[in-house]
ModelCIF file with pLDDT and N, C-alpha, C, O atoms, coordinates in Angstrom:
data_MODEL
#
_entry.id   MODEL 
#
_entity.id                         1 
_entity.type                       polymer 
_entity.pdbx_number_of_molecules   1 
#
_entity_poly.entity_id                      1 
_entity_poly.type                           'polypeptide(L)' 
_entity_poly.nstd_linkage                   no 
_entity_poly.nstd_monomer                   no 
_entity_poly.pdbx_seq_one_letter_code       LRRRLAAQLVFELVLPLGSYYGLRAAGVGQW 
_entity_poly.pdbx_seq_one_letter_code_can   LRRRLAAQLVFELVLPLGSYYGLRAAGVGQW 
_entity_poly.pdbx_strand_id                 A 
#
loop_
_entity_poly_seq.entity_id 
_entity_poly_seq.num 
_entity_poly_seq.mon_id 
_entity_poly_seq.hetero 
1 1  LEU n 
1 2  ARG n 
1 3  ARG n 
1 4  ARG n 
1 5  LEU n 
1 6  ALA n 
1 7  ALA n 
1 8  GLN n 
1 9  LEU n 
1 10 VAL n 
1 11 PHE n 
1 12 GLU n 
1 13 LEU n 
1 14 VAL n 
1 15 LEU n 
1 16 PRO n 
1 17 LEU n 
1 18 GLY n 
1 19 SER n 
1 20 TYR n 
1 21 TYR n 
1 22 GLY n 
1 23 LEU n 
1 24 ARG n 
1 25 ALA n 
1 26 ALA n 
1 27 GLY n 
1 28 VAL n 
1 29 GLY n 
1 30 GLN n 
1 31 TRP n 
#
_struct_asym.id          A 
_struct_asym.entity_id   1 
#
loop_
_ma_qa_metric.id 
_ma_qa_metric.mode 
_ma_qa_metric.name 
_ma_qa_metric.software_group_id 
_ma_qa_metric.type 
1 global pLDDT . pLDDT 
2 local  pLDDT . pLDDT 
#
_ma_qa_metric_global.metric_id      1 
_ma_qa_metric_global.metric_value   74.42 
_ma_qa_metric_global.model_id       1 
_ma_qa_metric_global.ordinal_id     1 
#
loop_
_ma_qa_metric_local.label_asym_id 
_ma_qa_metric_local.label_comp_id 
_ma_qa_metric_local.label_seq_id 
_ma_qa_metric_local.metric_id 
_ma_qa_metric_local.metric_value 
_ma_qa_metric_local.model_id 
_ma_qa_metric_local.ordinal_id 
A LEU 1  2 66.00 1 1  
A ARG 2  2 70.00 1 2  
A ARG 3  2 75.00 1 3  
A ARG 4  2 71.00 1 4  
A LEU 5  2 70.00 1 5  
A ALA 6  2 75.00 1 6  
A ALA 7  2 75.00 1 7  
A GLN 8  2 71.00 1 8  
A LEU 9  2 72.00 1 9  
A VAL 10 2 77.00 1 10 
A PHE 11 2 74.00 1 11 
A GLU 12 2 69.00 1 12 
A LEU 13 2 70.00 1 13 
A VAL 14 2 77.00 1 14 
A LEU 15 2 79.00 1 15 
A PRO 16 2 73.00 1 16 
A LEU 17 2 71.00 1 17 
A GLY 18 2 78.00 1 18 
A SER 19 2 80.00 1 19 
A TYR 20 2 73.00 1 20 
A TYR 21 2 75.00 1 21 
A GLY 22 2 82.00 1 22 
A LEU 23 2 82.00 1 23 
A ARG 24 2 74.00 1 24 
A ALA 25 2 78.00 1 25 
A ALA 26 2 84.00 1 26 
A GLY 27 2 83.00 1 27 
A VAL 28 2 80.00 1 28 
A GLY 29 2 73.00 1 29 
A GLN 30 2 63.00 1 30 
A TRP 31 2 67.00 1 31 
#
loop_
_atom_site.group_PDB 
_atom_site.id 
_atom_site.type_symbol 
_atom_site.label_atom_id 
_atom_site.label_alt_id 
_atom_site.label_comp_id 
_atom_site.label_asym_id 
_atom_site.label_entity_id 
_atom_site.label_seq_id 
_atom_site.pdbx_PDB_ins_code 
_atom_site.Cartn_x 
_atom_site.Cartn_y 
_atom_site.Cartn_z 
_atom_site.occupancy 
_atom_site.B_iso_or_equiv 
_atom_site.pdbx_formal_charge 
_atom_site.auth_seq_id 
_atom_site.auth_comp_id 
_atom_site.auth_asym_id 
_atom_site.auth_atom_id 
_atom_site.pdbx_PDB_model_num 
ATOM 1   N N  . LEU A 1 1  ? 14.022  -11.833 11.538  1.00 66.00 ? 1  LEU A N  1 
ATOM 2   C CA . LEU A 1 1  ? 13.671  -10.467 11.892  1.00 66.00 ? 1  LEU A CA 1 
ATOM 3   C C  . LEU A 1 1  ? 13.699  -9.557  10.673  1.00 66.00 ? 1  LEU A C  1 
ATOM 4   O O  . LEU A 1 1  ? 12.844  -8.683  10.526  1.00 66.00 ? 1  LEU A O  1 
ATOM 5   N N  . ARG A 1 2  ? 14.679  -9.761  9.797   1.00 70.00 ? 2  ARG A N  1 
ATOM 6   C CA . ARG A 1 2  ? 14.739  -8.971  8.569   1.00 70.00 ? 2  ARG A CA 1 
ATOM 7   C C  . ARG A 1 2  ? 13.516  -9.234  7.692   1.00 70.00 ? 2  ARG A C  1 
ATOM 8   O O  . ARG A 1 2  ? 12.964  -8.313  7.089   1.00 70.00 ? 2  ARG A O  1 
ATOM 9   N N  . ARG A 1 3  ? 13.104  -10.489 7.628   1.00 75.00 ? 3  ARG A N  1 
ATOM 10  C CA . ARG A 1 3  ? 11.911  -10.817 6.835   1.00 75.00 ? 3  ARG A CA 1 
ATOM 11  C C  . ARG A 1 3  ? 10.673  -10.156 7.427   1.00 75.00 ? 3  ARG A C  1 
ATOM 12  O O  . ARG A 1 3  ? 9.807   -9.673  6.698   1.00 75.00 ? 3  ARG A O  1 
ATOM 13  N N  . ARG A 1 4  ? 10.597  -10.140 8.750   1.00 71.00 ? 4  ARG A N  1 
ATOM 14  C CA . ARG A 1 4  ? 9.432   -9.516  9.388   1.00 71.00 ? 4  ARG A CA 1 
ATOM 15  C C  . ARG A 1 4  ? 9.417   -8.012  9.109   1.00 71.00 ? 4  ARG A C  1 
ATOM 16  O O  . ARG A 1 4  ? 8.360   -7.447  8.830   1.00 71.00 ? 4  ARG A O  1 
ATOM 17  N N  . LEU A 1 5  ? 10.586  -7.359  9.182   1.00 70.00 ? 5  LEU A N  1 
ATOM 18  C CA . LEU A 1 5  ? 10.640  -5.926  8.897   1.00 70.00 ? 5  LEU A CA 1 
ATOM 19  C C  . LEU A 1 5  ? 10.264  -5.648  7.442   1.00 70.00 ? 5  LEU A C  1 
ATOM 20  O O  . LEU A 1 5  ? 9.578   -4.668  7.148   1.00 70.00 ? 5  LEU A O  1 
ATOM 21  N N  . ALA A 1 6  ? 10.714  -6.512  6.537   1.00 75.00 ? 6  ALA A N  1 
ATOM 22  C CA . ALA A 1 6  ? 10.343  -6.350  5.126   1.00 75.00 ? 6  ALA A CA 1 
ATOM 23  C C  . ALA A 1 6  ? 8.836   -6.524  4.946   1.00 75.00 ? 6  ALA A C  1 
ATOM 24  O O  . ALA A 1 6  ? 8.198   -5.788  4.194   1.00 75.00 ? 6  ALA A O  1 
ATOM 25  N N  . ALA A 1 7  ? 8.278   -7.515  5.653   1.00 75.00 ? 7  ALA A N  1 
ATOM 26  C CA . ALA A 1 7  ? 6.829   -7.730  5.575   1.00 75.00 ? 7  ALA A CA 1 
ATOM 27  C C  . ALA A 1 7  ? 6.070   -6.540  6.127   1.00 75.00 ? 7  ALA A C  1 
ATOM 28  O O  . ALA A 1 7  ? 5.041   -6.146  5.577   1.00 75.00 ? 7  ALA A O  1 
ATOM 29  N N  . GLN A 1 8  ? 6.572   -5.961  7.218   1.00 71.00 ? 8  GLN A N  1 
ATOM 30  C CA . GLN A 1 8  ? 5.932   -4.776  7.777   1.00 71.00 ? 8  GLN A CA 1 
ATOM 31  C C  . GLN A 1 8  ? 5.930   -3.634  6.768   1.00 71.00 ? 8  GLN A C  1 
ATOM 32  O O  . GLN A 1 8  ? 4.920   -2.953  6.593   1.00 71.00 ? 8  GLN A O  1 
ATOM 33  N N  . LEU A 1 9  ? 7.070   -3.428  6.102   1.00 72.00 ? 9  LEU A N  1 
ATOM 34  C CA . LEU A 1 9  ? 7.156   -2.350  5.122   1.00 72.00 ? 9  LEU A CA 1 
ATOM 35  C C  . LEU A 1 9  ? 6.152   -2.554  3.997   1.00 72.00 ? 9  LEU A C  1 
ATOM 36  O O  . LEU A 1 9  ? 5.496   -1.608  3.561   1.00 72.00 ? 9  LEU A O  1 
ATOM 37  N N  . VAL A 1 10 ? 6.035   -3.793  3.530   1.00 77.00 ? 10 VAL A N  1 
ATOM 38  C CA . VAL A 1 10 ? 5.133   -4.078  2.416   1.00 77.00 ? 10 VAL A CA 1 
ATOM 39  C C  . VAL A 1 10 ? 3.675   -3.957  2.830   1.00 77.00 ? 10 VAL A C  1 
ATOM 40  O O  . VAL A 1 10 ? 2.891   -3.267  2.178   1.00 77.00 ? 10 VAL A O  1 
ATOM 41  N N  . PHE A 1 11 ? 3.310   -4.641  3.932   1.00 74.00 ? 11 PHE A N  1 
ATOM 42  C CA . PHE A 1 11 ? 1.901   -4.741  4.307   1.00 74.00 ? 11 PHE A CA 1 
ATOM 43  C C  . PHE A 1 11 ? 1.393   -3.512  5.063   1.00 74.00 ? 11 PHE A C  1 
ATOM 44  O O  . PHE A 1 11 ? 0.192   -3.243  5.060   1.00 74.00 ? 11 PHE A O  1 
ATOM 45  N N  . GLU A 1 12 ? 2.288   -2.768  5.708   1.00 69.00 ? 12 GLU A N  1 
ATOM 46  C CA . GLU A 1 12 ? 1.835   -1.622  6.484   1.00 69.00 ? 12 GLU A CA 1 
ATOM 47  C C  . GLU A 1 12 ? 1.945   -0.305  5.728   1.00 69.00 ? 12 GLU A C  1 
ATOM 48  O O  . GLU A 1 12 ? 1.315   0.684   6.105   1.00 69.00 ? 12 GLU A O  1 
ATOM 49  N N  . LEU A 1 13 ? 2.747   -0.288  4.654   1.00 70.00 ? 13 LEU A N  1 
ATOM 50  C CA . LEU A 1 13 ? 2.959   0.982   3.975   1.00 70.00 ? 13 LEU A CA 1 
ATOM 51  C C  . LEU A 1 13 ? 2.750   0.884   2.473   1.00 70.00 ? 13 LEU A C  1 
ATOM 52  O O  . LEU A 1 13 ? 1.918   1.597   1.911   1.00 70.00 ? 13 LEU A O  1 
ATOM 53  N N  . VAL A 1 14 ? 3.511   -0.006  1.814   1.00 77.00 ? 14 VAL A N  1 
ATOM 54  C CA . VAL A 1 14 ? 3.518   -0.035  0.350   1.00 77.00 ? 14 VAL A CA 1 
ATOM 55  C C  . VAL A 1 14 ? 2.158   -0.427  -0.209  1.00 77.00 ? 14 VAL A C  1 
ATOM 56  O O  . VAL A 1 14 ? 1.614   0.281   -1.057  1.00 77.00 ? 14 VAL A O  1 
ATOM 57  N N  . LEU A 1 15 ? 1.597   -1.547  0.253   1.00 79.00 ? 15 LEU A N  1 
ATOM 58  C CA . LEU A 1 15 ? 0.327   -2.018  -0.304  1.00 79.00 ? 15 LEU A CA 1 
ATOM 59  C C  . LEU A 1 15 ? -0.847  -1.084  -0.024  1.00 79.00 ? 15 LEU A C  1 
ATOM 60  O O  . LEU A 1 15 ? -1.561  -0.720  -0.959  1.00 79.00 ? 15 LEU A O  1 
ATOM 61  N N  . PRO A 1 16 ? -1.077  -0.678  1.244   1.00 73.00 ? 16 PRO A N  1 
ATOM 62  C CA . PRO A 1 16 ? -2.259  0.160   1.485   1.00 73.00 ? 16 PRO A CA 1 
ATOM 63  C C  . PRO A 1 16 ? -2.185  1.522   0.819   1.00 73.00 ? 16 PRO A C  1 
ATOM 64  O O  . PRO A 1 16 ? -3.141  1.954   0.176   1.00 73.00 ? 16 PRO A O  1 
ATOM 65  N N  . LEU A 1 17 ? -1.036  2.212   0.971   1.00 71.00 ? 17 LEU A N  1 
ATOM 66  C CA . LEU A 1 17 ? -0.931  3.538   0.365   1.00 71.00 ? 17 LEU A CA 1 
ATOM 67  C C  . LEU A 1 17 ? -0.812  3.434   -1.150  1.00 71.00 ? 17 LEU A C  1 
ATOM 68  O O  . LEU A 1 17 ? -1.390  4.240   -1.878  1.00 71.00 ? 17 LEU A O  1 
ATOM 69  N N  . GLY A 1 18 ? -0.061  2.441   -1.627  1.00 78.00 ? 18 GLY A N  1 
ATOM 70  C CA . GLY A 1 18 ? 0.082   2.275   -3.072  1.00 78.00 ? 18 GLY A CA 1 
ATOM 71  C C  . GLY A 1 18 ? -1.247  1.965   -3.740  1.00 78.00 ? 18 GLY A C  1 
ATOM 72  O O  . GLY A 1 18 ? -1.553  2.505   -4.803  1.00 78.00 ? 18 GLY A O  1 
ATOM 73  N N  . SER A 1 19 ? -2.042  1.091   -3.116  1.00 80.00 ? 19 SER A N  1 
ATOM 74  C CA . SER A 1 19 ? -3.342  0.765   -3.690  1.00 80.00 ? 19 SER A CA 1 
ATOM 75  C C  . SER A 1 19 ? -4.281  1.969   -3.660  1.00 80.00 ? 19 SER A C  1 
ATOM 76  O O  . SER A 1 19 ? -5.027  2.213   -4.609  1.00 80.00 ? 19 SER A O  1 
ATOM 77  N N  . TYR A 1 20 ? -4.234  2.709   -2.571  1.00 73.00 ? 20 TYR A N  1 
ATOM 78  C CA . TYR A 1 20 ? -5.130  3.870   -2.440  1.00 73.00 ? 20 TYR A CA 1 
ATOM 79  C C  . TYR A 1 20 ? -4.843  4.905   -3.527  1.00 73.00 ? 20 TYR A C  1 
ATOM 80  O O  . TYR A 1 20 ? -5.739  5.304   -4.270  1.00 73.00 ? 20 TYR A O  1 
ATOM 81  N N  . TYR A 1 21 ? -3.585  5.331   -3.608  1.00 75.00 ? 21 TYR A N  1 
ATOM 82  C CA . TYR A 1 21 ? -3.255  6.373   -4.578  1.00 75.00 ? 21 TYR A CA 1 
ATOM 83  C C  . TYR A 1 21 ? -3.245  5.834   -6.009  1.00 75.00 ? 21 TYR A C  1 
ATOM 84  O O  . TYR A 1 21 ? -3.500  6.578   -6.956  1.00 75.00 ? 21 TYR A O  1 
ATOM 85  N N  . GLY A 1 22 ? -2.953  4.543   -6.166  1.00 82.00 ? 22 GLY A N  1 
ATOM 86  C CA . GLY A 1 22 ? -3.021  3.955   -7.494  1.00 82.00 ? 22 GLY A CA 1 
ATOM 87  C C  . GLY A 1 22 ? -4.455  3.914   -8.016  1.00 82.00 ? 22 GLY A C  1 
ATOM 88  O O  . GLY A 1 22 ? -4.708  4.228   -9.179  1.00 82.00 ? 22 GLY A O  1 
ATOM 89  N N  . LEU A 1 23 ? -5.388  3.527   -7.150  1.00 82.00 ? 23 LEU A N  1 
ATOM 90  C CA . LEU A 1 23 ? -6.797  3.508   -7.544  1.00 82.00 ? 23 LEU A CA 1 
ATOM 91  C C  . LEU A 1 23 ? -7.316  4.913   -7.803  1.00 82.00 ? 23 LEU A C  1 
ATOM 92  O O  . LEU A 1 23 ? -8.107  5.126   -8.722  1.00 82.00 ? 23 LEU A O  1 
ATOM 93  N N  . ARG A 1 24 ? -6.880  5.859   -7.006  1.00 74.00 ? 24 ARG A N  1 
ATOM 94  C CA . ARG A 1 24 ? -7.315  7.241   -7.220  1.00 74.00 ? 24 ARG A CA 1 
ATOM 95  C C  . ARG A 1 24 ? -6.809  7.751   -8.565  1.00 74.00 ? 24 ARG A C  1 
ATOM 96  O O  . ARG A 1 24 ? -7.532  8.428   -9.296  1.00 74.00 ? 24 ARG A O  1 
ATOM 97  N N  . ALA A 1 25 ? -5.537  7.413   -8.889  1.00 78.00 ? 25 ALA A N  1 
ATOM 98  C CA . ALA A 1 25 ? -4.988  7.843   -10.177 1.00 78.00 ? 25 ALA A CA 1 
ATOM 99  C C  . ALA A 1 25 ? -5.719  7.185   -11.339 1.00 78.00 ? 25 ALA A C  1 
ATOM 100 O O  . ALA A 1 25 ? -5.779  7.744   -12.434 1.00 78.00 ? 25 ALA A O  1 
ATOM 101 N N  . ALA A 1 26 ? -6.279  5.989   -11.104 1.00 84.00 ? 26 ALA A N  1 
ATOM 102 C CA . ALA A 1 26 ? -7.022  5.289   -12.147 1.00 84.00 ? 26 ALA A CA 1 
ATOM 103 C C  . ALA A 1 26 ? -8.459  5.768   -12.257 1.00 84.00 ? 26 ALA A C  1 
ATOM 104 O O  . ALA A 1 26 ? -9.217  5.276   -13.093 1.00 84.00 ? 26 ALA A O  1 
ATOM 105 N N  . GLY A 1 27 ? -8.838  6.723   -11.422 1.00 83.00 ? 27 GLY A N  1 
ATOM 106 C CA . GLY A 1 27 ? -10.171 7.285   -11.503 1.00 83.00 ? 27 GLY A CA 1 
ATOM 107 C C  . GLY A 1 27 ? -11.194 6.657   -10.580 1.00 83.00 ? 27 GLY A C  1 
ATOM 108 O O  . GLY A 1 27 ? -12.382 6.961   -10.677 1.00 83.00 ? 27 GLY A O  1 
ATOM 109 N N  . VAL A 1 28 ? -10.750 5.782   -9.681  1.00 80.00 ? 28 VAL A N  1 
ATOM 110 C CA . VAL A 1 28 ? -11.674 5.163   -8.732  1.00 80.00 ? 28 VAL A CA 1 
ATOM 111 C C  . VAL A 1 28 ? -12.038 6.175   -7.650  1.00 80.00 ? 28 VAL A C  1 
ATOM 112 O O  . VAL A 1 28 ? -11.210 7.005   -7.274  1.00 80.00 ? 28 VAL A O  1 
ATOM 113 N N  . GLY A 1 29 ? -13.254 6.112   -7.155  1.00 73.00 ? 29 GLY A N  1 
ATOM 114 C CA . GLY A 1 29 ? -13.725 7.058   -6.154  1.00 73.00 ? 29 GLY A CA 1 
ATOM 115 C C  . GLY A 1 29 ? -12.958 6.992   -4.847  1.00 73.00 ? 29 GLY A C  1 
ATOM 116 O O  . GLY A 1 29 ? -12.304 5.996   -4.537  1.00 73.00 ? 29 GLY A O  1 
ATOM 117 N N  . GLN A 1 30 ? -13.055 8.098   -4.072  1.00 63.00 ? 30 GLN A N  1 
ATOM 118 C CA . GLN A 1 30 ? -12.311 8.179   -2.811  1.00 63.00 ? 30 GLN A CA 1 
ATOM 119 C C  . GLN A 1 30 ? -12.705 7.076   -1.839  1.00 63.00 ? 30 GLN A C  1 
ATOM 120 O O  . GLN A 1 30 ? -11.848 6.441   -1.225  1.00 63.00 ? 30 GLN A O  1 
ATOM 121 N N  . TRP A 1 31 ? -14.009 6.853   -1.705  1.00 67.00 ? 31 TRP A N  1 
ATOM 122 C CA . TRP A 1 31 ? -14.467 5.913   -0.696  1.00 67.00 ? 31 TRP A CA 1 
ATOM 123 C C  . TRP A 1 31 ? -14.060 4.488   -1.030  1.00 67.00 ? 31 TRP A C  1 
ATOM 124 O O  . TRP A 1 31 ? -14.369 3.565   -0.276  1.00 67.00 ? 31 TRP A O  1 
#
């Protein structure tokens, strides 16, 4: 269960939001 919660945190929050704002900071377009 702890592993699943950790996976949820990574795949549901860290990766999508981190990639979005990281790409934006690198100058990639919004879309």
